Amino acid sequence: MAAAFAAMLLLGPAPVAAHGDGDHVDRSDDPHWTLFETVTVSQAPPDYRYRAAIPARIEAMAGQEMTISGYAVSLGQEAVTDHFLLARYSPECPYHSASRPNEMIEVRLARPVRLPLGREIRITGRFGLQENGHAGLFFRLENSAQS
């Protein structure tokens, strides 16, 4: 019994206990992410850039205003910014891998804000597509605001 208690102290709580109710805790369930999952992303030599096969349904959304929920990912050290990534998964959660290229949106805000890291936020802006295969970024929201 003492050995089991000592092992628990060294290893800490099991991931399931630490994570709470399951995988949805630090994941946005906004329906847009399910749509963006339909984008097939690949990488291949010689340059290993990400490439995306974007379905017509998503291409048709370009130029339209949309609102989506997700987690802010800082692109620098600034507490106040107008440029960040919005991701499906919280970067603060140690039990999820990083969001994939079809689960991230580059955001440009109309006015800088203090990033609310570690909690789900809603952003409204003009949706657009981009070809940034080196960074793995295919979606963007411009002239955006936190809603």
N, C-alpha and C. Protein backbone atom coordinates (compact mmCIF):
# COMPACT_ATOMS: atom_id res chain seq x y z
N MET A 1 0.82 -1.18 0.00
CA MET A 1 0.00 0.00 0.00
C MET A 1 0.87 1.26 0.00
N ALA A 2 1.90 1.27 0.81
CA ALA A 2 2.80 2.42 0.88
C ALA A 2 3.50 2.63 -0.46
N ALA A 3 3.87 1.53 -1.14
CA ALA A 3 4.55 1.64 -2.43
C ALA A 3 3.61 2.24 -3.48
N ALA A 4 2.34 1.87 -3.46
CA ALA A 4 1.36 2.42 -4.41
C ALA A 4 1.17 3.91 -4.16
N PHE A 5 1.10 4.31 -2.91
CA PHE A 5 0.95 5.72 -2.59
C PHE A 5 2.19 6.51 -3.03
N ALA A 6 3.37 5.96 -2.81
CA ALA A 6 4.61 6.63 -3.22
C ALA A 6 4.65 6.77 -4.75
N ALA A 7 4.22 5.75 -5.46
CA ALA A 7 4.20 5.81 -6.94
C ALA A 7 3.24 6.89 -7.41
N MET A 8 2.09 7.02 -6.74
CA MET A 8 1.13 8.06 -7.11
C MET A 8 1.72 9.45 -6.89
N LEU A 9 2.47 9.62 -5.81
CA LEU A 9 3.09 10.92 -5.55
C LEU A 9 4.12 11.26 -6.61
N LEU A 10 4.89 10.26 -7.05
CA LEU A 10 5.91 10.49 -8.06
C LEU A 10 5.32 10.72 -9.45
N LEU A 11 4.32 9.93 -9.81
CA LEU A 11 3.76 10.00 -11.16
C LEU A 11 2.63 11.00 -11.29
N GLY A 12 2.02 11.37 -10.19
CA GLY A 12 0.89 12.29 -10.25
C GLY A 12 -0.38 11.55 -10.64
N PRO A 13 -1.49 12.26 -10.77
CA PRO A 13 -2.75 11.62 -11.11
C PRO A 13 -2.73 11.10 -12.55
N ALA A 14 -3.50 10.10 -12.78
CA ALA A 14 -3.62 9.53 -14.13
C ALA A 14 -4.25 10.55 -15.06
N PRO A 15 -3.90 10.54 -16.34
CA PRO A 15 -4.45 11.53 -17.28
C PRO A 15 -5.97 11.59 -17.29
N VAL A 16 -6.65 10.48 -17.18
CA VAL A 16 -8.11 10.50 -17.21
C VAL A 16 -8.65 11.31 -16.04
N ALA A 17 -8.09 11.10 -14.86
CA ALA A 17 -8.56 11.84 -13.68
C ALA A 17 -8.23 13.33 -13.81
N ALA A 18 -7.07 13.62 -14.37
CA ALA A 18 -6.66 15.02 -14.49
C ALA A 18 -7.44 15.76 -15.57
N HIS A 19 -7.93 15.03 -16.54
CA HIS A 19 -8.58 15.65 -17.68
C HIS A 19 -10.06 15.89 -17.46
N GLY A 20 -10.65 15.26 -16.48
CA GLY A 20 -12.06 15.52 -16.21
C GLY A 20 -12.99 14.64 -17.01
N ASP A 21 -13.95 15.26 -17.69
CA ASP A 21 -15.03 14.54 -18.34
C ASP A 21 -14.68 13.89 -19.66
N GLY A 22 -13.48 14.01 -20.14
CA GLY A 22 -13.11 13.39 -21.41
C GLY A 22 -12.55 14.39 -22.38
N ASP A 23 -12.42 13.97 -23.64
CA ASP A 23 -11.72 14.76 -24.64
C ASP A 23 -12.40 16.06 -25.04
N HIS A 24 -13.66 16.24 -24.73
CA HIS A 24 -14.34 17.46 -25.15
C HIS A 24 -14.06 18.67 -24.26
N VAL A 25 -13.38 18.47 -23.16
CA VAL A 25 -13.18 19.54 -22.19
C VAL A 25 -12.40 20.70 -22.78
N ASP A 26 -11.31 20.45 -23.49
CA ASP A 26 -10.48 21.51 -24.05
C ASP A 26 -10.51 21.50 -25.57
N ARG A 27 -11.66 21.15 -26.12
CA ARG A 27 -11.87 21.10 -27.57
C ARG A 27 -13.13 21.89 -27.89
N SER A 28 -13.03 22.73 -28.90
CA SER A 28 -14.21 23.47 -29.33
C SER A 28 -15.12 22.55 -30.13
N ASP A 29 -16.39 22.57 -29.81
CA ASP A 29 -17.37 21.78 -30.55
C ASP A 29 -18.12 22.61 -31.58
N ASP A 30 -17.56 23.78 -31.93
CA ASP A 30 -18.18 24.61 -32.96
C ASP A 30 -18.31 23.78 -34.25
N PRO A 31 -19.47 23.79 -34.90
CA PRO A 31 -19.68 22.96 -36.10
C PRO A 31 -18.76 23.30 -37.27
N HIS A 32 -18.19 24.50 -37.31
CA HIS A 32 -17.26 24.84 -38.39
C HIS A 32 -16.05 23.91 -38.40
N TRP A 33 -15.59 23.49 -37.21
CA TRP A 33 -14.41 22.61 -37.15
C TRP A 33 -14.70 21.28 -37.82
N THR A 34 -15.92 20.76 -37.66
CA THR A 34 -16.30 19.51 -38.32
C THR A 34 -16.25 19.68 -39.83
N LEU A 35 -16.70 20.83 -40.32
CA LEU A 35 -16.62 21.11 -41.75
C LEU A 35 -15.17 21.21 -42.20
N PHE A 36 -14.33 21.90 -41.44
CA PHE A 36 -12.92 22.05 -41.81
C PHE A 36 -12.17 20.73 -41.78
N GLU A 37 -12.65 19.75 -41.00
CA GLU A 37 -12.04 18.42 -41.00
C GLU A 37 -12.11 17.75 -42.37
N THR A 38 -13.04 18.17 -43.22
CA THR A 38 -13.18 17.57 -44.55
C THR A 38 -12.05 17.98 -45.49
N VAL A 39 -11.24 18.96 -45.09
CA VAL A 39 -10.09 19.38 -45.89
C VAL A 39 -8.99 18.32 -45.72
N THR A 40 -8.54 17.77 -46.83
CA THR A 40 -7.46 16.80 -46.81
C THR A 40 -6.13 17.54 -46.87
N VAL A 41 -5.28 17.29 -45.90
CA VAL A 41 -3.98 17.95 -45.82
C VAL A 41 -2.89 16.90 -46.03
N SER A 42 -1.89 17.26 -46.85
CA SER A 42 -0.78 16.34 -47.10
C SER A 42 0.54 17.10 -47.09
N GLN A 43 1.62 16.33 -47.00
CA GLN A 43 2.98 16.85 -47.06
C GLN A 43 3.80 15.86 -47.88
N ALA A 44 4.69 16.37 -48.72
CA ALA A 44 5.51 15.47 -49.53
C ALA A 44 6.81 16.15 -49.93
N PRO A 45 7.83 15.34 -50.24
CA PRO A 45 9.07 15.91 -50.74
C PRO A 45 8.82 16.59 -52.08
N PRO A 46 9.62 17.48 -52.54
CA PRO A 46 10.94 17.82 -52.00
C PRO A 46 10.90 18.93 -50.95
N ASP A 47 9.81 19.70 -50.88
CA ASP A 47 9.80 20.85 -49.97
C ASP A 47 9.05 20.61 -48.66
N TYR A 48 8.28 19.54 -48.58
CA TYR A 48 7.51 19.19 -47.38
C TYR A 48 6.53 20.27 -46.95
N ARG A 49 6.13 21.12 -47.90
CA ARG A 49 5.09 22.10 -47.60
C ARG A 49 3.76 21.37 -47.41
N TYR A 50 2.92 21.94 -46.59
CA TYR A 50 1.57 21.40 -46.46
C TYR A 50 0.77 21.79 -47.69
N ARG A 51 -0.06 20.88 -48.16
CA ARG A 51 -0.97 21.15 -49.27
C ARG A 51 -2.37 20.74 -48.82
N ALA A 52 -3.35 21.51 -49.26
CA ALA A 52 -4.73 21.25 -48.84
C ALA A 52 -5.64 21.09 -50.05
N ALA A 53 -6.49 20.08 -49.99
CA ALA A 53 -7.56 19.90 -50.97
C ALA A 53 -8.82 20.44 -50.31
N ILE A 54 -9.22 21.65 -50.70
CA ILE A 54 -10.33 22.34 -50.04
C ILE A 54 -11.62 22.09 -50.82
N PRO A 55 -12.63 21.50 -50.16
CA PRO A 55 -13.90 21.24 -50.83
C PRO A 55 -14.62 22.52 -51.28
N ALA A 56 -15.42 22.41 -52.32
CA ALA A 56 -16.14 23.56 -52.88
C ALA A 56 -17.02 24.23 -51.83
N ARG A 57 -17.58 23.48 -50.90
CA ARG A 57 -18.45 24.05 -49.87
C ARG A 57 -17.69 25.07 -49.01
N ILE A 58 -16.42 24.79 -48.73
CA ILE A 58 -15.61 25.73 -47.95
C ILE A 58 -15.14 26.88 -48.83
N GLU A 59 -14.77 26.60 -50.08
CA GLU A 59 -14.38 27.68 -51.00
C GLU A 59 -15.50 28.70 -51.15
N ALA A 60 -16.74 28.24 -51.15
CA ALA A 60 -17.90 29.13 -51.30
C ALA A 60 -18.08 30.06 -50.10
N MET A 61 -17.49 29.74 -48.97
CA MET A 61 -17.60 30.57 -47.77
C MET A 61 -16.67 31.78 -47.82
N ALA A 62 -15.68 31.76 -48.71
CA ALA A 62 -14.69 32.85 -48.78
C ALA A 62 -15.39 34.18 -49.03
N GLY A 63 -14.99 35.18 -48.27
CA GLY A 63 -15.56 36.52 -48.40
C GLY A 63 -16.78 36.74 -47.53
N GLN A 64 -17.33 35.69 -46.93
CA GLN A 64 -18.51 35.82 -46.07
C GLN A 64 -18.11 36.02 -44.62
N GLU A 65 -18.97 36.71 -43.87
CA GLU A 65 -18.74 36.86 -42.44
C GLU A 65 -19.11 35.56 -41.74
N MET A 66 -18.29 35.19 -40.77
CA MET A 66 -18.60 33.99 -39.99
C MET A 66 -18.20 34.22 -38.54
N THR A 67 -18.82 33.46 -37.65
CA THR A 67 -18.47 33.45 -36.24
C THR A 67 -18.09 32.03 -35.87
N ILE A 68 -16.95 31.89 -35.20
CA ILE A 68 -16.45 30.57 -34.82
C ILE A 68 -15.85 30.63 -33.43
N SER A 69 -15.97 29.54 -32.70
CA SER A 69 -15.38 29.43 -31.36
C SER A 69 -14.13 28.58 -31.42
N GLY A 70 -13.17 28.92 -30.58
CA GLY A 70 -11.93 28.15 -30.49
C GLY A 70 -11.04 28.74 -29.41
N TYR A 71 -9.78 28.37 -29.47
CA TYR A 71 -8.80 28.78 -28.46
C TYR A 71 -7.72 29.62 -29.11
N ALA A 72 -7.38 30.75 -28.49
CA ALA A 72 -6.36 31.65 -29.01
C ALA A 72 -4.98 31.03 -28.79
N VAL A 73 -4.16 31.12 -29.83
CA VAL A 73 -2.77 30.69 -29.78
C VAL A 73 -1.92 31.90 -30.13
N SER A 74 -1.11 32.34 -29.20
CA SER A 74 -0.29 33.53 -29.40
C SER A 74 0.80 33.26 -30.44
N LEU A 75 1.10 34.27 -31.24
CA LEU A 75 2.17 34.17 -32.23
C LEU A 75 3.44 34.88 -31.76
N GLY A 76 3.40 35.43 -30.57
CA GLY A 76 4.56 36.15 -30.04
C GLY A 76 4.48 36.25 -28.54
N GLN A 77 5.18 37.22 -28.01
CA GLN A 77 5.25 37.40 -26.57
C GLN A 77 4.32 38.51 -26.07
N GLU A 78 3.67 39.22 -26.98
CA GLU A 78 2.83 40.35 -26.58
C GLU A 78 1.55 39.89 -25.90
N ALA A 79 1.18 40.56 -24.83
CA ALA A 79 -0.07 40.27 -24.15
C ALA A 79 -1.25 40.84 -24.92
N VAL A 80 -1.03 41.97 -25.59
CA VAL A 80 -2.07 42.62 -26.38
C VAL A 80 -1.65 42.53 -27.84
N THR A 81 -2.55 42.01 -28.70
CA THR A 81 -2.19 41.79 -30.10
C THR A 81 -3.43 41.87 -30.99
N ASP A 82 -3.20 41.99 -32.28
CA ASP A 82 -4.28 41.94 -33.26
C ASP A 82 -4.08 40.78 -34.24
N HIS A 83 -3.10 39.90 -33.94
CA HIS A 83 -2.76 38.81 -34.84
C HIS A 83 -2.45 37.55 -34.03
N PHE A 84 -3.22 36.49 -34.23
CA PHE A 84 -3.03 35.23 -33.51
C PHE A 84 -3.68 34.11 -34.30
N LEU A 85 -3.55 32.91 -33.81
CA LEU A 85 -4.23 31.76 -34.40
C LEU A 85 -5.40 31.38 -33.51
N LEU A 86 -6.47 30.93 -34.15
CA LEU A 86 -7.60 30.35 -33.43
C LEU A 86 -7.56 28.86 -33.74
N ALA A 87 -7.53 28.04 -32.69
CA ALA A 87 -7.38 26.60 -32.86
C ALA A 87 -8.56 25.85 -32.25
N ARG A 88 -8.79 24.66 -32.77
CA ARG A 88 -9.87 23.82 -32.24
C ARG A 88 -9.54 23.35 -30.83
N TYR A 89 -8.27 23.02 -30.58
CA TYR A 89 -7.85 22.49 -29.28
C TYR A 89 -7.09 23.55 -28.49
N SER A 90 -7.29 23.53 -27.20
CA SER A 90 -6.56 24.46 -26.34
C SER A 90 -5.08 24.08 -26.30
N PRO A 91 -4.19 25.03 -26.55
CA PRO A 91 -2.77 24.73 -26.44
C PRO A 91 -2.34 24.54 -24.98
N GLU A 92 -3.22 24.89 -24.04
CA GLU A 92 -2.93 24.76 -22.62
C GLU A 92 -3.14 23.33 -22.12
N CYS A 93 -3.83 22.49 -22.90
CA CYS A 93 -4.17 21.14 -22.44
C CYS A 93 -3.05 20.16 -22.79
N PRO A 94 -2.41 19.56 -21.79
CA PRO A 94 -1.32 18.63 -22.06
C PRO A 94 -1.79 17.28 -22.59
N TYR A 95 -3.10 17.02 -22.63
CA TYR A 95 -3.60 15.73 -23.04
C TYR A 95 -4.07 15.70 -24.49
N HIS A 96 -3.93 16.82 -25.21
CA HIS A 96 -4.24 16.87 -26.63
C HIS A 96 -2.98 17.20 -27.40
N SER A 97 -2.88 16.62 -28.58
CA SER A 97 -1.79 17.04 -29.45
C SER A 97 -2.17 18.39 -30.04
N ALA A 98 -1.24 19.03 -30.68
CA ALA A 98 -1.51 20.33 -31.29
C ALA A 98 -2.56 20.19 -32.38
N SER A 99 -3.29 21.26 -32.61
CA SER A 99 -4.27 21.27 -33.68
C SER A 99 -3.57 21.08 -35.02
N ARG A 100 -4.24 20.39 -35.93
CA ARG A 100 -3.70 20.16 -37.27
C ARG A 100 -3.96 21.38 -38.15
N PRO A 101 -3.34 21.45 -39.34
CA PRO A 101 -3.55 22.61 -40.21
C PRO A 101 -5.01 22.88 -40.56
N ASN A 102 -5.85 21.85 -40.63
CA ASN A 102 -7.26 22.08 -40.93
C ASN A 102 -8.07 22.37 -39.65
N GLU A 103 -7.37 22.61 -38.55
CA GLU A 103 -8.01 22.96 -37.28
C GLU A 103 -7.46 24.27 -36.71
N MET A 104 -6.94 25.13 -37.61
CA MET A 104 -6.41 26.43 -37.19
C MET A 104 -6.80 27.50 -38.20
N ILE A 105 -7.04 28.70 -37.68
CA ILE A 105 -7.39 29.85 -38.52
C ILE A 105 -6.50 31.01 -38.10
N GLU A 106 -5.87 31.66 -39.06
CA GLU A 106 -5.11 32.87 -38.77
C GLU A 106 -6.10 34.02 -38.61
N VAL A 107 -5.99 34.76 -37.51
CA VAL A 107 -6.94 35.83 -37.20
C VAL A 107 -6.22 37.18 -37.21
N ARG A 108 -6.84 38.14 -37.87
CA ARG A 108 -6.40 39.55 -37.85
C ARG A 108 -7.57 40.35 -37.30
N LEU A 109 -7.38 40.93 -36.13
CA LEU A 109 -8.44 41.72 -35.49
C LEU A 109 -8.41 43.16 -36.01
N ALA A 110 -9.58 43.79 -35.97
CA ALA A 110 -9.67 45.21 -36.33
C ALA A 110 -8.95 46.07 -35.29
N ARG A 111 -9.00 45.66 -34.01
CA ARG A 111 -8.34 46.38 -32.92
C ARG A 111 -7.64 45.37 -32.01
N PRO A 112 -6.46 45.70 -31.51
CA PRO A 112 -5.75 44.79 -30.61
C PRO A 112 -6.54 44.53 -29.32
N VAL A 113 -6.39 43.31 -28.80
CA VAL A 113 -7.01 42.91 -27.53
C VAL A 113 -6.00 42.12 -26.71
N ARG A 114 -6.30 41.99 -25.43
CA ARG A 114 -5.53 41.09 -24.57
C ARG A 114 -6.04 39.68 -24.85
N LEU A 115 -5.14 38.78 -25.26
CA LEU A 115 -5.56 37.43 -25.61
C LEU A 115 -6.05 36.67 -24.38
N PRO A 116 -7.24 36.12 -24.46
CA PRO A 116 -7.77 35.32 -23.36
C PRO A 116 -7.29 33.86 -23.50
N LEU A 117 -6.08 33.59 -23.08
CA LEU A 117 -5.50 32.26 -23.24
C LEU A 117 -6.12 31.27 -22.27
N GLY A 118 -6.27 30.04 -22.74
CA GLY A 118 -6.75 28.96 -21.88
C GLY A 118 -8.25 28.83 -21.77
N ARG A 119 -9.01 29.68 -22.47
CA ARG A 119 -10.46 29.51 -22.44
C ARG A 119 -11.02 29.72 -23.85
N GLU A 120 -12.13 29.10 -24.12
CA GLU A 120 -12.74 29.18 -25.45
C GLU A 120 -13.31 30.59 -25.68
N ILE A 121 -13.07 31.11 -26.89
CA ILE A 121 -13.58 32.43 -27.26
C ILE A 121 -14.31 32.33 -28.59
N ARG A 122 -15.09 33.36 -28.90
CA ARG A 122 -15.80 33.45 -30.18
C ARG A 122 -15.24 34.64 -30.95
N ILE A 123 -14.98 34.40 -32.23
CA ILE A 123 -14.45 35.45 -33.10
C ILE A 123 -15.36 35.57 -34.32
N THR A 124 -15.67 36.80 -34.70
CA THR A 124 -16.45 37.09 -35.90
C THR A 124 -15.58 37.89 -36.85
N GLY A 125 -15.58 37.48 -38.12
CA GLY A 125 -14.79 38.20 -39.12
C GLY A 125 -15.10 37.70 -40.52
N ARG A 126 -14.41 38.26 -41.50
CA ARG A 126 -14.59 37.85 -42.89
C ARG A 126 -13.68 36.65 -43.16
N PHE A 127 -14.27 35.54 -43.53
CA PHE A 127 -13.54 34.30 -43.78
C PHE A 127 -12.84 34.37 -45.12
N GLY A 128 -11.64 33.83 -45.16
CA GLY A 128 -10.88 33.77 -46.40
C GLY A 128 -9.99 32.54 -46.44
N LEU A 129 -9.55 32.23 -47.63
CA LEU A 129 -8.61 31.12 -47.84
C LEU A 129 -7.25 31.70 -48.15
N GLN A 130 -6.21 30.95 -47.81
CA GLN A 130 -4.85 31.37 -48.12
C GLN A 130 -4.00 30.13 -48.40
N GLU A 131 -2.93 30.33 -49.12
CA GLU A 131 -1.99 29.26 -49.44
C GLU A 131 -0.69 29.51 -48.70
N ASN A 132 -0.63 29.16 -47.43
CA ASN A 132 0.58 29.30 -46.66
C ASN A 132 1.03 27.90 -46.24
N GLY A 133 1.48 27.13 -47.21
CA GLY A 133 1.87 25.75 -46.97
C GLY A 133 3.09 25.59 -46.10
N HIS A 134 3.96 26.60 -46.05
CA HIS A 134 5.14 26.50 -45.18
C HIS A 134 4.73 26.53 -43.71
N ALA A 135 3.72 27.32 -43.38
CA ALA A 135 3.24 27.40 -41.99
C ALA A 135 2.06 26.46 -41.74
N GLY A 136 1.49 25.88 -42.79
CA GLY A 136 0.33 25.02 -42.62
C GLY A 136 -0.93 25.79 -42.31
N LEU A 137 -1.08 26.98 -42.89
CA LEU A 137 -2.25 27.82 -42.65
C LEU A 137 -3.03 27.99 -43.95
N PHE A 138 -4.30 27.60 -43.92
CA PHE A 138 -5.14 27.66 -45.12
C PHE A 138 -6.37 28.53 -44.94
N PHE A 139 -6.72 28.88 -43.70
CA PHE A 139 -7.91 29.67 -43.42
C PHE A 139 -7.49 30.96 -42.71
N ARG A 140 -8.32 32.01 -42.88
CA ARG A 140 -8.07 33.25 -42.15
C ARG A 140 -9.39 33.95 -41.87
N LEU A 141 -9.37 34.77 -40.85
CA LEU A 141 -10.47 35.69 -40.53
C LEU A 141 -9.87 37.07 -40.49
N GLU A 142 -10.42 37.99 -41.29
CA GLU A 142 -9.91 39.35 -41.35
C GLU A 142 -10.94 40.33 -40.83
N ASN A 143 -10.43 41.51 -40.42
CA ASN A 143 -11.29 42.56 -39.89
C ASN A 143 -12.20 41.97 -38.80
N SER A 144 -11.60 41.21 -37.92
CA SER A 144 -12.33 40.42 -36.93
C SER A 144 -12.49 41.14 -35.62
N ALA A 145 -13.37 40.59 -34.80
CA ALA A 145 -13.58 41.08 -33.43
C ALA A 145 -13.99 39.91 -32.55
N GLN A 146 -13.65 40.00 -31.29
CA GLN A 146 -14.12 38.99 -30.33
C GLN A 146 -15.59 39.27 -30.08
N SER A 147 -16.40 38.22 -30.15
CA SER A 147 -17.85 38.42 -29.95
C SER A 147 -18.36 37.75 -28.69
